[in-house]
N, C-alpha and C. Protein backbone atom coordinates (compact mmCIF):
# COMPACT_ATOMS: atom_id res chain seq x y z
N MET A 1 -116.87 11.22 104.00
CA MET A 1 -116.97 9.79 104.24
C MET A 1 -115.86 9.37 105.20
N SER A 2 -116.13 8.46 106.09
CA SER A 2 -115.20 8.10 107.15
C SER A 2 -114.15 7.08 106.73
N GLY A 3 -114.35 6.38 105.65
CA GLY A 3 -113.38 5.38 105.23
C GLY A 3 -113.83 4.67 103.98
N PRO A 4 -113.10 3.63 103.60
CA PRO A 4 -113.47 2.91 102.38
C PRO A 4 -114.79 2.16 102.56
N THR A 5 -115.46 1.98 101.45
CA THR A 5 -116.71 1.22 101.48
C THR A 5 -116.39 -0.26 101.63
N GLU A 6 -117.42 -1.04 101.88
CA GLU A 6 -117.21 -2.49 102.00
C GLU A 6 -116.64 -3.06 100.70
N ALA A 7 -117.16 -2.60 99.58
CA ALA A 7 -116.67 -3.07 98.28
C ALA A 7 -115.20 -2.71 98.08
N GLU A 8 -114.80 -1.53 98.53
CA GLU A 8 -113.40 -1.12 98.41
C GLU A 8 -112.50 -1.97 99.31
N ARG A 9 -112.99 -2.28 100.51
CA ARG A 9 -112.21 -3.13 101.42
C ARG A 9 -112.05 -4.53 100.84
N VAL A 10 -113.14 -5.06 100.28
CA VAL A 10 -113.08 -6.40 99.68
C VAL A 10 -112.12 -6.40 98.50
N ALA A 11 -112.18 -5.37 97.67
CA ALA A 11 -111.28 -5.28 96.51
C ALA A 11 -109.82 -5.23 96.96
N ALA A 12 -109.55 -4.47 98.02
CA ALA A 12 -108.18 -4.38 98.53
C ALA A 12 -107.71 -5.73 99.07
N LEU A 13 -108.59 -6.43 99.77
CA LEU A 13 -108.23 -7.75 100.29
C LEU A 13 -107.98 -8.74 99.16
N GLN A 14 -108.79 -8.67 98.10
CA GLN A 14 -108.60 -9.55 96.96
C GLN A 14 -107.28 -9.26 96.25
N GLU A 15 -106.94 -7.99 96.13
CA GLU A 15 -105.66 -7.62 95.52
C GLU A 15 -104.50 -8.14 96.34
N GLN A 16 -104.59 -8.00 97.66
CA GLN A 16 -103.52 -8.49 98.53
C GLN A 16 -103.41 -10.00 98.45
N ALA A 17 -104.54 -10.69 98.42
CA ALA A 17 -104.52 -12.15 98.32
C ALA A 17 -103.89 -12.60 97.01
N ALA A 18 -104.20 -11.91 95.92
CA ALA A 18 -103.61 -12.24 94.62
C ALA A 18 -102.10 -12.02 94.64
N ALA A 19 -101.66 -10.94 95.26
CA ALA A 19 -100.22 -10.65 95.35
C ALA A 19 -99.52 -11.70 96.21
N ASP A 20 -100.13 -12.07 97.33
CA ASP A 20 -99.55 -13.09 98.21
C ASP A 20 -99.46 -14.43 97.49
N TYR A 21 -100.50 -14.78 96.74
CA TYR A 21 -100.51 -16.04 96.00
C TYR A 21 -99.41 -16.05 94.95
N ALA A 22 -99.29 -14.95 94.21
CA ALA A 22 -98.27 -14.86 93.16
C ALA A 22 -96.88 -14.99 93.77
N GLN A 23 -96.64 -14.35 94.90
CA GLN A 23 -95.34 -14.43 95.56
C GLN A 23 -95.06 -15.86 96.02
N ALA A 24 -96.08 -16.54 96.51
CA ALA A 24 -95.90 -17.90 97.00
C ALA A 24 -95.60 -18.87 95.86
N GLN A 25 -95.97 -18.52 94.63
CA GLN A 25 -95.71 -19.38 93.48
C GLN A 25 -94.31 -19.19 92.91
N ASP A 26 -93.59 -18.19 93.38
CA ASP A 26 -92.24 -17.91 92.89
C ASP A 26 -91.30 -19.04 93.32
N PRO A 27 -90.61 -19.69 92.36
CA PRO A 27 -89.74 -20.81 92.72
C PRO A 27 -88.66 -20.44 93.75
N ALA A 28 -88.12 -19.25 93.66
CA ALA A 28 -87.10 -18.84 94.64
C ALA A 28 -87.71 -18.73 96.03
N GLN A 29 -88.93 -18.21 96.11
CA GLN A 29 -89.62 -18.08 97.40
C GLN A 29 -89.91 -19.47 97.97
N GLN A 30 -90.32 -20.40 97.10
CA GLN A 30 -90.60 -21.75 97.55
C GLN A 30 -89.33 -22.44 98.05
N ALA A 31 -88.22 -22.24 97.34
CA ALA A 31 -86.96 -22.84 97.76
C ALA A 31 -86.51 -22.28 99.11
N ALA A 32 -86.66 -20.98 99.29
CA ALA A 32 -86.29 -20.36 100.56
C ALA A 32 -87.15 -20.91 101.70
N ALA A 33 -88.43 -21.11 101.43
CA ALA A 33 -89.33 -21.64 102.46
C ALA A 33 -88.94 -23.08 102.80
N ARG A 34 -88.59 -23.88 101.79
CA ARG A 34 -88.16 -25.26 102.06
C ARG A 34 -86.88 -25.28 102.89
N ASP A 35 -85.95 -24.40 102.54
CA ASP A 35 -84.69 -24.32 103.29
C ASP A 35 -84.95 -23.95 104.75
N GLN A 36 -85.82 -22.96 104.94
CA GLN A 36 -86.12 -22.51 106.30
C GLN A 36 -86.78 -23.63 107.10
N LEU A 37 -87.69 -24.37 106.47
CA LEU A 37 -88.35 -25.48 107.14
C LEU A 37 -87.34 -26.57 107.51
N ALA A 38 -86.43 -26.86 106.60
CA ALA A 38 -85.42 -27.89 106.88
C ALA A 38 -84.54 -27.48 108.06
N ILE A 39 -84.15 -26.22 108.10
CA ILE A 39 -83.34 -25.73 109.22
C ILE A 39 -84.11 -25.84 110.53
N ALA A 40 -85.39 -25.46 110.50
CA ALA A 40 -86.21 -25.53 111.71
C ALA A 40 -86.37 -26.98 112.18
N ARG A 41 -86.56 -27.90 111.23
CA ARG A 41 -86.70 -29.30 111.61
C ARG A 41 -85.40 -29.85 112.19
N THR A 42 -84.29 -29.50 111.57
CA THR A 42 -82.99 -29.94 112.08
C THR A 42 -82.77 -29.42 113.49
N HIS A 43 -83.06 -28.17 113.69
CA HIS A 43 -82.91 -27.57 115.02
C HIS A 43 -83.81 -28.28 116.03
N GLY A 44 -85.04 -28.53 115.64
CA GLY A 44 -85.97 -29.22 116.53
C GLY A 44 -85.49 -30.62 116.88
N ASN A 45 -84.97 -31.33 115.87
CA ASN A 45 -84.45 -32.67 116.12
C ASN A 45 -83.24 -32.63 117.05
N GLU A 46 -82.38 -31.64 116.85
CA GLU A 46 -81.21 -31.50 117.73
C GLU A 46 -81.64 -31.21 119.16
N GLN A 47 -82.62 -30.34 119.31
CA GLN A 47 -83.10 -30.01 120.65
C GLN A 47 -83.73 -31.23 121.32
N ALA A 48 -84.49 -31.99 120.56
CA ALA A 48 -85.12 -33.18 121.12
C ALA A 48 -84.07 -34.20 121.53
N GLY A 49 -83.04 -34.35 120.72
CA GLY A 49 -81.96 -35.28 121.05
C GLY A 49 -81.19 -34.84 122.27
N THR A 50 -80.96 -33.55 122.41
CA THR A 50 -80.23 -33.01 123.55
C THR A 50 -81.01 -33.24 124.84
N GLN A 51 -82.31 -33.00 124.78
CA GLN A 51 -83.13 -33.15 125.98
C GLN A 51 -83.24 -34.60 126.39
N GLU A 52 -83.40 -35.50 125.42
CA GLU A 52 -83.55 -36.91 125.75
C GLU A 52 -82.23 -37.51 126.23
N GLY A 53 -81.13 -37.07 125.63
CA GLY A 53 -79.83 -37.63 125.98
C GLY A 53 -79.28 -37.08 127.29
N GLY A 54 -79.80 -35.96 127.74
CA GLY A 54 -79.33 -35.36 128.97
C GLY A 54 -77.99 -34.69 128.85
N ASN A 55 -77.53 -34.42 127.63
CA ASN A 55 -76.23 -33.77 127.42
C ASN A 55 -76.37 -32.29 127.32
């Protein structure tokens, strides 16, 4: 056989989706994502201010 069957591929994708979902529900993971988003927003705001102010 040349590779996994369609059912095996679907099962593997479902397992990966379940693992990704479980990881996303981890409070530490959520906090890290919020922190990263806040840093990105701050950086974006600083860049926008720098460009508009001409400094």
